[in-house]
Amino acid sequence: MTFPDTLHPNRRQWLQSTGAGALLAALGTSALAQTSPFESVKIITGFAAGGTSDTLCRRVADKLPGTGYTKAAYVENKTGAGGQIAIQFVKSQNPDGLTLLQTPMSMLGIYPHIYKKLAYDPVADLSPVSLACVFDFGFAVGPSVPASVKTVPDFLAWCKANPKEANFGSPAAGSVPHFVGSLLGHHAGIDLKHIAFRGTQPAILDMIGGQLPAVSGPLGEFSQHVAAGKCRLLASTGAQRSKFTPNTQTMAEQGLKDMVFGEWFGFYLPAKAPRELVQRLNTALRAALATPEVVDGLAAMGLEAKSSTPAELTALLKADFERWGPLVKTIGFSADA
């Protein structure tokens, strides 16, 4: 797995520079009008219908026909192996622009560190097209944790006093939320046990039912439960407070300076897709992601719509891949164990 050495844009600068949605949409219509649209395309996601990844794909699929790239777009759910099945499927397809992959960063930037063997190479087998969205994570506690616990340090202190209760749930083993909780335990010198679930909502349901003290997961997954008073959001993991939870402190604000984490979803084509085709799809995706329906729909799930150039997406994956290597070693987790 290799990355081009020439792509080193400042991550924060370019993430903050993608707000010219209306201009991109206008440019997209003009540029794509020069080429006849495809009859139909497929967007492949490795996760089940109704989930965050699937919902993002369906919102984008609704808007792609309006960009001139295709007359119709459909979503196919190739679930299994924590998102790996979808990537394996897309890598085997022709790079003709008819089959797109939408995937979270973890499958590309973290899995190479936790699996001794993967059936795909995140760089050699895929052509990056555009970022889709970014989001932060949250750490919440349920009714089994005393009301006096109001911050993450409070929770860690409670865990030290109650070691038999010191555990947390996450949507999957090897996911960023799993590692967020594990790093909290590592930094505090606590054996904070991880319990893996098949998705964040099943973990939250156990938490609000009193069977699990805490859950680490995507920030938007907690919204309805916090609003209903069924759990308490102790912290978010962004560099700044999330605009979706402005009254919730970040972990950094609570003294956990190294606990700044986020994730992104991106769009890819199979490897060796022609540069002109990649650019054409990039323009279409940027236009679709800038529409109010997509922006507002993602915001309702705690996701911030963000597009990028293919080079920026390559650089972002490179930065995350390099960051997570040492962190995985610190945690000592292996999916093959």
Protein backbone atom coordinates (compact mmCIF):
# COMPACT_ATOMS: atom_id res chain seq x y z
CA MET A 1 0.00 0.00 0.00
CA THR A 2 1.59 3.27 -1.11
CA PHE A 3 0.58 6.91 -1.31
CA PRO A 4 1.83 9.63 -3.70
CA ASP A 5 4.49 11.74 -1.99
CA THR A 6 3.35 14.89 -3.76
CA LEU A 7 -0.03 15.18 -2.05
CA HIS A 8 0.37 16.97 1.25
CA PRO A 9 -2.26 19.74 1.45
CA ASN A 10 -3.06 21.03 4.92
CA ARG A 11 -5.99 18.91 6.10
CA ARG A 12 -7.68 21.59 8.16
CA GLN A 13 -7.38 24.25 5.44
CA TRP A 14 -8.98 22.19 2.73
CA LEU A 15 -11.69 20.80 4.98
CA GLN A 16 -12.65 24.40 5.76
CA SER A 17 -12.49 25.50 2.13
CA THR A 18 -15.27 23.36 0.65
CA GLY A 19 -18.21 25.69 1.27
CA ALA A 20 -18.68 27.06 -2.25
CA GLY A 21 -21.57 24.72 -2.92
CA ALA A 22 -23.64 26.97 -5.15
CA LEU A 23 -20.66 27.71 -7.38
CA LEU A 24 -19.79 24.03 -7.63
CA ALA A 25 -23.36 23.19 -8.58
CA ALA A 26 -23.34 25.80 -11.31
CA LEU A 27 -19.99 24.63 -12.64
CA GLY A 28 -21.17 21.02 -12.48
CA THR A 29 -24.19 21.61 -14.72
CA SER A 30 -22.09 23.40 -17.31
CA ALA A 31 -19.25 20.88 -17.35
CA LEU A 32 -21.43 17.78 -17.48
CA ALA A 33 -23.63 19.14 -20.24
CA GLN A 34 -20.77 18.38 -22.65
CA THR A 35 -21.18 14.60 -22.16
CA SER A 36 -24.25 12.41 -22.55
CA PRO A 37 -25.41 10.96 -19.23
CA PHE A 38 -25.20 7.24 -18.47
CA GLU A 39 -28.47 5.33 -18.46
CA SER A 40 -27.94 4.21 -14.85
CA VAL A 41 -25.26 3.76 -12.22
CA LYS A 42 -24.99 1.79 -8.98
CA ILE A 43 -23.72 3.11 -5.65
CA ILE A 44 -22.39 0.28 -3.49
CA THR A 45 -22.39 0.47 0.29
CA GLY A 46 -21.13 -2.20 2.64
CA PHE A 47 -23.79 -1.52 5.24
CA ALA A 48 -27.46 -2.35 5.73
CA ALA A 49 -30.45 -0.37 4.53
CA GLY A 50 -31.55 2.32 6.96
CA GLY A 51 -28.10 2.96 8.39
CA THR A 52 -26.01 6.11 8.08
CA SER A 53 -23.97 4.94 5.09
CA ASP A 54 -27.05 3.67 3.25
CA THR A 55 -29.00 6.87 3.89
CA LEU A 56 -26.15 9.00 2.59
CA CYS A 57 -25.98 6.90 -0.58
CA ARG A 58 -29.72 7.18 -1.20
CA ARG A 59 -29.77 10.94 -0.77
CA VAL A 60 -26.90 11.33 -3.23
CA ALA A 61 -28.51 8.83 -5.62
CA ASP A 62 -31.64 10.99 -5.67
CA LYS A 63 -29.62 14.00 -6.81
CA LEU A 64 -27.11 12.47 -9.25
CA PRO A 65 -29.61 12.39 -12.17
CA GLY A 66 -29.94 16.16 -11.89
CA THR A 67 -26.20 16.66 -12.48
CA GLY A 68 -26.11 15.23 -16.00
CA TYR A 69 -23.86 12.31 -15.01
CA THR A 70 -26.59 9.66 -15.18
CA LYS A 71 -30.28 9.33 -15.88
CA ALA A 72 -30.80 7.09 -12.85
CA ALA A 73 -28.84 5.99 -9.79
CA TYR A 74 -29.50 3.00 -7.54
CA VAL A 75 -28.09 1.84 -4.22
CA GLU A 76 -26.98 -1.74 -3.59
CA ASN A 77 -26.14 -3.03 -0.12
CA LYS A 78 -23.24 -5.49 -0.21
CA THR A 79 -23.04 -6.17 3.50
CA GLY A 80 -20.59 -8.35 5.39
CA ALA A 81 -17.12 -8.41 6.96
CA GLY A 82 -17.45 -4.90 8.35
CA GLY A 83 -17.68 -3.25 4.93
CA GLN A 84 -15.03 -5.38 3.23
CA ILE A 85 -17.44 -7.24 0.93
CA ALA A 86 -18.50 -4.02 -0.80
CA ILE A 87 -14.91 -2.98 -1.45
CA GLN A 88 -14.03 -6.41 -2.83
CA PHE A 89 -17.04 -6.23 -5.14
CA VAL A 90 -16.24 -2.77 -6.50
CA LYS A 91 -12.57 -3.52 -7.07
CA SER A 92 -13.61 -6.36 -9.41
CA GLN A 93 -15.85 -4.15 -11.57
CA ASN A 94 -14.92 -2.40 -14.80
CA PRO A 95 -13.66 1.16 -14.24
CA ASP A 96 -16.35 2.51 -16.58
CA GLY A 97 -18.03 4.88 -14.14
CA LEU A 98 -21.13 2.73 -13.72
CA THR A 99 -20.25 1.28 -10.29
CA LEU A 100 -19.36 3.59 -7.40
CA LEU A 101 -18.23 2.69 -3.90
CA GLN A 102 -19.16 4.70 -0.84
CA THR A 103 -17.15 3.71 2.23
CA PRO A 104 -16.16 5.03 5.65
CA MET A 105 -12.49 5.78 6.22
CA SER A 106 -12.01 2.87 8.65
CA MET A 107 -12.12 0.18 5.96
CA LEU A 108 -9.29 1.93 4.10
CA GLY A 109 -7.23 3.67 6.78
CA ILE A 110 -7.54 1.38 9.83
CA TYR A 111 -8.27 -2.14 8.55
CA PRO A 112 -4.79 -2.49 6.97
CA HIS A 113 -3.37 -2.09 10.49
CA ILE A 114 -5.64 -4.63 12.19
CA TYR A 115 -5.89 -7.39 9.56
CA LYS A 116 -2.79 -9.32 8.54
CA LYS A 117 -4.39 -10.00 5.18
CA LEU A 118 -7.01 -7.98 3.34
CA ALA A 119 -8.64 -9.01 0.08
CA TYR A 120 -8.05 -5.51 -1.28
CA ASP A 121 -5.44 -2.77 -1.34
CA PRO A 122 -7.01 0.58 -0.38
CA VAL A 123 -4.74 2.45 -2.78
CA ALA A 124 -3.99 0.07 -5.66
CA ASP A 125 -7.55 -1.25 -6.05
CA LEU A 126 -9.54 1.99 -5.92
CA SER A 127 -9.64 5.39 -7.63
CA PRO A 128 -10.53 8.20 -5.19
CA VAL A 129 -13.24 10.56 -6.43
CA SER A 130 -14.60 12.79 -3.65
CA LEU A 131 -15.16 13.12 0.04
CA ALA A 132 -18.85 12.77 0.98
CA CYS A 133 -19.19 13.92 4.59
CA VAL A 134 -17.38 14.29 7.91
CA PHE A 135 -18.56 13.66 11.46
CA ASP A 136 -17.46 13.45 15.07
CA PHE A 137 -18.08 10.78 17.69
CA GLY A 138 -19.79 10.97 21.03
CA PHE A 139 -19.37 9.20 24.37
CA ALA A 140 -22.56 8.70 26.36
CA VAL A 141 -23.69 6.99 29.53
CA GLY A 142 -27.03 5.45 30.51
CA PRO A 143 -29.16 5.09 33.64
CA SER A 144 -26.83 2.55 35.27
CA VAL A 145 -24.26 5.33 35.76
CA PRO A 146 -24.97 7.79 38.63
CA ALA A 147 -26.32 11.23 37.69
CA SER A 148 -23.27 12.75 39.40
CA VAL A 149 -21.17 11.55 36.43
CA LYS A 150 -21.27 14.55 34.08
CA THR A 151 -17.93 14.37 32.24
CA VAL A 152 -15.60 11.74 30.79
CA PRO A 153 -13.10 12.18 33.67
CA ASP A 154 -16.05 11.62 36.04
CA PHE A 155 -16.87 8.40 34.20
CA LEU A 156 -13.27 7.20 34.33
CA ALA A 157 -13.15 7.90 38.07
CA TRP A 158 -16.40 5.94 38.50
CA CYS A 159 -14.86 3.06 36.54
CA LYS A 160 -11.85 3.01 38.85
CA ALA A 161 -14.19 2.80 41.84
CA ASN A 162 -16.37 0.17 40.15
CA PRO A 163 -14.02 -2.03 38.09
CA LYS A 164 -16.64 -4.72 37.51
CA GLU A 165 -18.79 -2.12 35.71
CA ALA A 166 -15.92 -0.67 33.68
CA ASN A 167 -17.02 -1.46 30.15
CA PHE A 168 -18.44 0.25 27.08
CA GLY A 169 -20.04 -0.67 23.79
CA SER A 170 -19.30 0.34 20.21
CA PRO A 171 -20.77 -0.42 16.77
CA ALA A 172 -17.99 -2.84 15.83
CA ALA A 173 -14.62 -4.25 16.83
CA GLY A 174 -11.87 -2.36 15.03
CA SER A 175 -14.00 0.74 14.49
CA VAL A 176 -12.99 4.26 15.50
CA PRO A 177 -15.56 4.31 18.36
CA HIS A 178 -14.01 1.07 19.68
CA PHE A 179 -10.58 2.67 19.69
CA VAL A 180 -11.87 5.91 21.25
CA GLY A 181 -13.07 3.95 24.29
CA SER A 182 -9.96 1.78 24.43
CA LEU A 183 -7.69 4.84 24.32
CA LEU A 184 -9.65 6.41 27.17
CA GLY A 185 -8.99 3.34 29.28
CA HIS A 186 -5.33 3.27 28.24
CA HIS A 187 -4.76 6.92 29.14
CA ALA A 188 -6.50 6.52 32.51
CA GLY A 189 -4.77 3.23 33.36
CA ILE A 190 -8.10 1.40 33.51
CA ASP A 191 -9.05 -1.97 32.09
CA LEU A 192 -12.04 -0.51 30.24
CA LYS A 193 -13.55 -3.58 28.59
CA HIS A 194 -14.97 -3.30 25.08
CA ILE A 195 -18.20 -4.96 23.97
CA ALA A 196 -18.75 -5.04 20.21
CA PHE A 197 -22.24 -4.74 18.72
CA ARG A 198 -23.55 -4.92 15.17
CA GLY A 199 -24.21 -1.21 14.88
CA THR A 200 -24.47 1.71 17.28
CA GLN A 201 -28.21 1.54 17.90
CA PRO A 202 -28.15 -1.99 19.37
CA ALA A 203 -25.44 -0.82 21.78
CA ILE A 204 -27.44 2.27 22.73
CA LEU A 205 -30.55 0.19 23.36
CA ASP A 206 -28.61 -1.95 25.84
CA MET A 207 -27.22 1.19 27.45
CA ILE A 208 -30.58 2.91 27.92
CA GLY A 209 -31.96 -0.42 29.14
CA GLY A 210 -29.40 -0.45 31.94
CA GLN A 211 -27.39 -3.47 30.72
CA LEU A 212 -24.40 -1.38 29.59
CA PRO A 213 -22.96 1.73 31.26
CA ALA A 214 -21.56 3.59 28.24
CA VAL A 215 -21.41 3.69 24.44
CA SER A 216 -18.94 5.25 22.03
CA GLY A 217 -20.40 5.95 18.59
CA PRO A 218 -21.16 8.50 15.86
CA LEU A 219 -22.47 11.70 17.43
CA GLY A 220 -25.72 11.79 15.49
CA GLU A 221 -26.71 8.31 16.68
CA PHE A 222 -27.34 9.63 20.21
CA SER A 223 -29.53 12.63 19.32
CA GLN A 224 -33.00 11.16 19.73
CA HIS A 225 -32.10 9.31 22.92
CA VAL A 226 -30.48 12.37 24.55
CA ALA A 227 -33.49 14.49 23.59
CA ALA A 228 -35.77 11.91 25.21
CA GLY A 229 -33.70 11.99 28.42
CA LYS A 230 -32.76 8.32 28.11
CA CYS A 231 -28.97 8.84 28.14
CA ARG A 232 -26.42 11.57 28.79
CA LEU A 233 -23.87 12.70 26.24
CA LEU A 234 -20.65 13.33 28.14
CA ALA A 235 -18.41 14.54 25.32
CA SER A 236 -17.78 14.81 21.59
CA THR A 237 -14.46 14.03 19.90
CA GLY A 238 -13.97 16.94 17.49
CA ALA A 239 -11.30 19.62 17.62
CA GLN A 240 -14.13 22.09 18.34
CA ARG A 241 -17.63 21.59 19.68
CA SER A 242 -19.96 20.12 17.12
CA LYS A 243 -22.55 22.49 15.70
CA PHE A 244 -25.02 19.66 16.23
CA THR A 245 -24.30 19.50 20.00
CA PRO A 246 -23.01 22.99 20.88
CA ASN A 247 -23.69 22.55 24.60
CA THR A 248 -21.59 19.39 24.86
CA GLN A 249 -17.90 19.82 25.66
CA THR A 250 -15.24 18.12 23.57
CA MET A 251 -12.93 15.62 25.19
CA ALA A 252 -10.09 18.08 24.64
CA GLU A 253 -11.98 20.70 26.67
CA GLN A 254 -12.19 18.14 29.48
CA GLY A 255 -8.41 17.80 29.60
CA LEU A 256 -8.08 14.85 27.19
CA LYS A 257 -5.99 16.74 24.64
CA ASP A 258 -5.09 13.74 22.48
CA MET A 259 -8.68 12.51 22.16
CA VAL A 260 -9.54 14.40 18.97
CA PHE A 261 -11.09 12.06 16.42
CA GLY A 262 -13.46 12.20 13.51
CA GLU A 263 -14.28 10.14 10.48
CA TRP A 264 -15.35 10.62 6.90
CA PHE A 265 -17.16 8.82 4.12
CA GLY A 266 -15.77 8.92 0.60
CA PHE A 267 -16.70 7.95 -2.95
CA TYR A 268 -14.45 5.75 -5.08
CA LEU A 269 -14.35 4.07 -8.49
CA PRO A 270 -12.46 0.87 -9.34
CA ALA A 271 -8.75 1.28 -9.99
CA LYS A 272 -7.55 2.56 -13.35
CA ALA A 273 -10.66 4.64 -13.99
CA PRO A 274 -9.76 7.25 -16.67
CA ARG A 275 -8.84 10.63 -15.25
CA GLU A 276 -11.50 12.37 -17.33
CA LEU A 277 -14.17 10.03 -15.96
CA VAL A 278 -13.02 10.56 -12.38
CA GLN A 279 -13.21 14.31 -12.87
CA ARG A 280 -16.63 14.08 -14.46
CA LEU A 281 -17.99 12.05 -11.53
CA ASN A 282 -16.25 14.35 -9.07
CA THR A 283 -18.03 17.36 -10.54
CA ALA A 284 -21.37 15.54 -10.37
CA LEU A 285 -20.88 14.43 -6.77
CA ARG A 286 -19.84 17.89 -5.66
CA ALA A 287 -22.99 19.31 -7.21
CA ALA A 288 -25.18 16.65 -5.56
CA LEU A 289 -23.56 17.08 -2.15
CA ALA A 290 -24.15 20.84 -2.32
CA THR A 291 -27.93 20.57 -2.72
CA PRO A 292 -30.00 21.68 0.29
CA GLU A 293 -31.79 18.33 0.42
CA VAL A 294 -28.52 16.45 0.88
CA VAL A 295 -26.97 19.01 3.23
CA ASP A 296 -30.06 19.19 5.45
CA GLY A 297 -30.71 15.45 5.28
CA LEU A 298 -27.20 14.63 6.46
CA ALA A 299 -27.32 17.31 9.16
CA ALA A 300 -30.35 15.55 10.64
CA MET A 301 -28.04 12.56 11.23
CA GLY A 302 -25.17 14.63 12.65
CA LEU A 303 -23.20 14.49 9.40
CA GLU A 304 -21.67 17.48 7.63
CA ALA A 305 -21.73 17.25 3.84
CA LYS A 306 -18.22 17.86 2.44
CA SER A 307 -16.81 17.33 -1.02
CA SER A 308 -13.20 17.37 -2.23
CA THR A 309 -10.92 16.83 -5.17
CA PRO A 310 -9.54 13.31 -5.78
CA ALA A 311 -6.10 14.54 -4.69
CA GLU A 312 -7.46 15.91 -1.43
CA LEU A 313 -9.21 12.62 -0.68
CA THR A 314 -5.96 10.75 -1.36
CA ALA A 315 -4.08 13.05 1.02
CA LEU A 316 -6.75 12.70 3.71
CA LEU A 317 -6.58 8.90 3.60
CA LYS A 318 -2.79 9.04 3.73
CA ALA A 319 -2.90 11.25 6.85
CA ASP A 320 -5.40 8.99 8.61
CA PHE A 321 -3.55 5.81 7.63
CA GLU A 322 -0.33 7.19 9.10
CA ARG A 323 -2.02 8.43 12.27
CA TRP A 324 -3.82 5.17 13.04
CA GLY A 325 -0.82 2.87 12.66
CA PRO A 326 0.83 3.89 15.95
CA LEU A 327 -2.56 4.16 17.72
CA VAL A 328 -3.48 0.59 16.83
CA LYS A 329 -0.13 -0.57 18.21
CA THR A 330 -0.79 1.35 21.42
CA ILE A 331 -4.16 -0.32 21.82
CA GLY A 332 -2.75 -3.73 20.88
CA PHE A 333 -5.82 -4.82 18.94
CA SER A 334 -5.76 -7.32 16.09
CA ALA A 335 -8.83 -8.51 14.19
CA ASP A 336 -7.02 -11.78 13.53
CA ALA A 337 -6.58 -12.60 17.21
